[in-house]
Amino acid sequence: GLRASIDAYDNFDNISLAQQLEKHQLMEFRCIAAYLYKGNNWWAQSVELCKKDHLYKEQCGSGGSDR
C-alpha cells in the first residue's frame, strides 16, 4: 500500500504529500499524514493531527516504528 511505498522510496516531497493527505476524508490517509510528519520531525503537526482525529499509536500503526 501507500505506507509501504513511503517506506521503500524517498524521492518525493514528504511534506507536500502529508499536507494533502491530512485533508483526506479517510482516517487511514490522515494517519499516513501524521506518519510522514513524524518521519520528518514535524512533531507538532503529527501530534495535532492525531489529537484532532482522536488517534492513538495503535490506530495509526506508528507505535514504535520510525522511518
N, C-alpha and C. Protein backbone atom coordinates (compact mmCIF):
# COMPACT_ATOMS: atom_id res chain seq x y z
N GLY A 1 0.80 -1.18 0.00
CA GLY A 1 0.00 0.00 0.00
C GLY A 1 0.85 1.26 0.00
N LEU A 2 0.22 2.34 0.27
CA LEU A 2 0.89 3.64 0.25
C LEU A 2 1.98 3.73 1.31
N ARG A 3 1.70 3.24 2.50
CA ARG A 3 2.71 3.31 3.57
C ARG A 3 3.96 2.51 3.21
N ALA A 4 3.78 1.35 2.58
CA ALA A 4 4.93 0.55 2.16
C ALA A 4 5.75 1.28 1.11
N SER A 5 5.08 1.97 0.20
CA SER A 5 5.79 2.75 -0.81
C SER A 5 6.54 3.91 -0.17
N ILE A 6 5.93 4.53 0.83
CA ILE A 6 6.59 5.63 1.53
C ILE A 6 7.86 5.13 2.22
N ASP A 7 7.78 3.93 2.80
CA ASP A 7 8.95 3.36 3.47
C ASP A 7 10.02 2.94 2.46
N ALA A 8 9.60 2.48 1.29
CA ALA A 8 10.55 1.96 0.31
C ALA A 8 11.22 3.05 -0.52
N TYR A 9 10.54 4.15 -0.74
CA TYR A 9 11.05 5.21 -1.62
C TYR A 9 11.13 6.52 -0.87
N ASP A 10 12.13 7.33 -1.22
CA ASP A 10 12.26 8.62 -0.54
C ASP A 10 12.42 9.78 -1.51
N ASN A 11 12.23 9.54 -2.79
CA ASN A 11 12.41 10.59 -3.78
C ASN A 11 11.07 11.27 -4.10
N PHE A 12 10.46 11.86 -3.07
CA PHE A 12 9.22 12.59 -3.24
C PHE A 12 9.12 13.63 -2.13
N ASP A 13 8.23 14.57 -2.29
CA ASP A 13 8.07 15.65 -1.32
C ASP A 13 7.16 15.16 -0.19
N ASN A 14 7.78 14.71 0.89
CA ASN A 14 7.05 14.15 2.03
C ASN A 14 6.04 15.13 2.62
N ILE A 15 6.47 16.34 2.82
CA ILE A 15 5.61 17.33 3.48
C ILE A 15 4.42 17.70 2.60
N SER A 16 4.65 17.85 1.31
CA SER A 16 3.55 18.17 0.41
C SER A 16 2.51 17.05 0.41
N LEU A 17 2.99 15.81 0.36
CA LEU A 17 2.06 14.67 0.41
C LEU A 17 1.31 14.64 1.74
N ALA A 18 2.00 14.89 2.83
CA ALA A 18 1.35 14.89 4.15
C ALA A 18 0.27 15.97 4.21
N GLN A 19 0.55 17.14 3.66
CA GLN A 19 -0.43 18.23 3.69
C GLN A 19 -1.67 17.87 2.87
N GLN A 20 -1.49 17.13 1.79
CA GLN A 20 -2.64 16.70 1.00
C GLN A 20 -3.42 15.62 1.73
N LEU A 21 -2.70 14.67 2.33
CA LEU A 21 -3.36 13.54 2.99
C LEU A 21 -4.09 13.94 4.27
N GLU A 22 -3.61 14.97 4.96
CA GLU A 22 -4.26 15.34 6.22
C GLU A 22 -5.66 15.88 6.00
N LYS A 23 -5.99 16.26 4.78
CA LYS A 23 -7.33 16.77 4.47
C LYS A 23 -8.24 15.69 3.90
N HIS A 24 -7.72 14.48 3.77
CA HIS A 24 -8.49 13.38 3.16
C HIS A 24 -9.60 12.94 4.11
N GLN A 25 -10.71 12.47 3.53
CA GLN A 25 -11.85 12.07 4.36
C GLN A 25 -11.63 10.75 5.08
N LEU A 26 -10.75 9.88 4.56
CA LEU A 26 -10.50 8.59 5.21
C LEU A 26 -9.42 8.72 6.29
N MET A 27 -9.70 8.16 7.44
CA MET A 27 -8.80 8.27 8.58
C MET A 27 -7.43 7.65 8.29
N GLU A 28 -7.38 6.56 7.55
CA GLU A 28 -6.09 5.90 7.28
C GLU A 28 -5.13 6.84 6.56
N PHE A 29 -5.65 7.65 5.65
CA PHE A 29 -4.80 8.60 4.95
C PHE A 29 -4.32 9.70 5.89
N ARG A 30 -5.16 10.11 6.82
CA ARG A 30 -4.73 11.10 7.81
C ARG A 30 -3.68 10.51 8.74
N CYS A 31 -3.78 9.21 9.02
CA CYS A 31 -2.75 8.51 9.80
C CYS A 31 -1.42 8.53 9.05
N ILE A 32 -1.47 8.32 7.75
CA ILE A 32 -0.25 8.34 6.95
C ILE A 32 0.34 9.75 6.95
N ALA A 33 -0.51 10.76 6.93
CA ALA A 33 -0.01 12.13 7.01
C ALA A 33 0.73 12.35 8.32
N ALA A 34 0.16 11.88 9.42
CA ALA A 34 0.83 12.00 10.73
C ALA A 34 2.15 11.24 10.72
N TYR A 35 2.17 10.08 10.10
CA TYR A 35 3.38 9.26 9.98
C TYR A 35 4.46 10.01 9.19
N LEU A 36 4.06 10.66 8.10
CA LEU A 36 5.02 11.44 7.31
C LEU A 36 5.56 12.62 8.11
N TYR A 37 4.68 13.33 8.80
CA TYR A 37 5.14 14.45 9.63
C TYR A 37 6.14 13.95 10.68
N LYS A 38 5.81 12.85 11.32
CA LYS A 38 6.68 12.28 12.35
C LYS A 38 8.04 11.91 11.76
N GLY A 39 8.03 11.30 10.59
CA GLY A 39 9.27 10.90 9.94
C GLY A 39 10.15 12.06 9.52
N ASN A 40 9.56 13.25 9.41
CA ASN A 40 10.30 14.44 9.04
C ASN A 40 10.53 15.37 10.23
N ASN A 41 10.30 14.83 11.43
CA ASN A 41 10.48 15.58 12.68
C ASN A 41 9.58 16.80 12.79
N TRP A 42 8.42 16.74 12.18
CA TRP A 42 7.40 17.78 12.35
C TRP A 42 6.45 17.28 13.43
N TRP A 43 6.97 17.17 14.64
CA TRP A 43 6.24 16.55 15.74
C TRP A 43 4.94 17.27 16.07
N ALA A 44 4.97 18.60 16.08
CA ALA A 44 3.77 19.36 16.45
C ALA A 44 2.61 19.05 15.50
N GLN A 45 2.89 19.01 14.20
CA GLN A 45 1.84 18.72 13.22
C GLN A 45 1.33 17.29 13.37
N SER A 46 2.25 16.37 13.61
CA SER A 46 1.86 14.97 13.77
C SER A 46 0.95 14.79 14.98
N VAL A 47 1.34 15.36 16.09
CA VAL A 47 0.56 15.25 17.32
C VAL A 47 -0.79 15.95 17.17
N GLU A 48 -0.78 17.13 16.56
CA GLU A 48 -2.03 17.88 16.37
C GLU A 48 -3.02 17.10 15.51
N LEU A 49 -2.52 16.48 14.45
CA LEU A 49 -3.39 15.69 13.57
C LEU A 49 -3.97 14.50 14.32
N CYS A 50 -3.15 13.83 15.10
CA CYS A 50 -3.63 12.68 15.88
C CYS A 50 -4.66 13.11 16.92
N LYS A 51 -4.40 14.23 17.57
CA LYS A 51 -5.36 14.73 18.57
C LYS A 51 -6.70 15.08 17.91
N LYS A 52 -6.62 15.72 16.76
CA LYS A 52 -7.84 16.15 16.07
C LYS A 52 -8.73 14.96 15.74
N ASP A 53 -8.10 13.84 15.35
CA ASP A 53 -8.87 12.65 14.99
C ASP A 53 -9.02 11.68 16.15
N HIS A 54 -8.53 12.05 17.31
CA HIS A 54 -8.55 11.16 18.49
C HIS A 54 -7.84 9.85 18.16
N LEU A 55 -6.71 9.96 17.50
CA LEU A 55 -5.95 8.79 17.09
C LEU A 55 -4.88 8.46 18.12
N TYR A 56 -4.63 7.20 18.26
CA TYR A 56 -3.60 6.73 19.17
C TYR A 56 -2.61 5.89 18.38
N LYS A 57 -1.48 5.60 18.97
CA LYS A 57 -0.42 4.87 18.27
C LYS A 57 -0.94 3.59 17.62
N GLU A 58 -1.74 2.85 18.33
CA GLU A 58 -2.22 1.56 17.83
C GLU A 58 -3.09 1.74 16.58
N GLN A 59 -3.88 2.80 16.56
CA GLN A 59 -4.78 3.02 15.44
C GLN A 59 -4.05 3.43 14.19
N CYS A 60 -3.00 4.22 14.34
CA CYS A 60 -2.25 4.69 13.18
C CYS A 60 -1.13 3.75 12.81
N GLY A 61 -0.87 2.78 13.64
CA GLY A 61 0.20 1.84 13.32
C GLY A 61 1.57 2.45 13.41
N SER A 62 1.72 3.56 14.14
CA SER A 62 3.02 4.21 14.22
C SER A 62 3.70 3.96 15.56
N GLY A 63 3.13 3.13 16.38
CA GLY A 63 3.70 2.87 17.68
C GLY A 63 5.08 2.22 17.61
N GLY A 64 6.10 2.98 17.92
CA GLY A 64 7.45 2.46 17.97
C GLY A 64 8.10 2.22 16.62
N SER A 65 7.45 2.56 15.53
CA SER A 65 8.07 2.34 14.23
C SER A 65 8.52 3.67 13.66
N ASP A 66 9.80 3.83 13.53
CA ASP A 66 10.36 5.04 12.94
C ASP A 66 10.83 4.75 11.54
N ARG A 67 10.88 5.77 10.73
CA ARG A 67 11.32 5.61 9.34
C ARG A 67 12.77 5.41 9.24
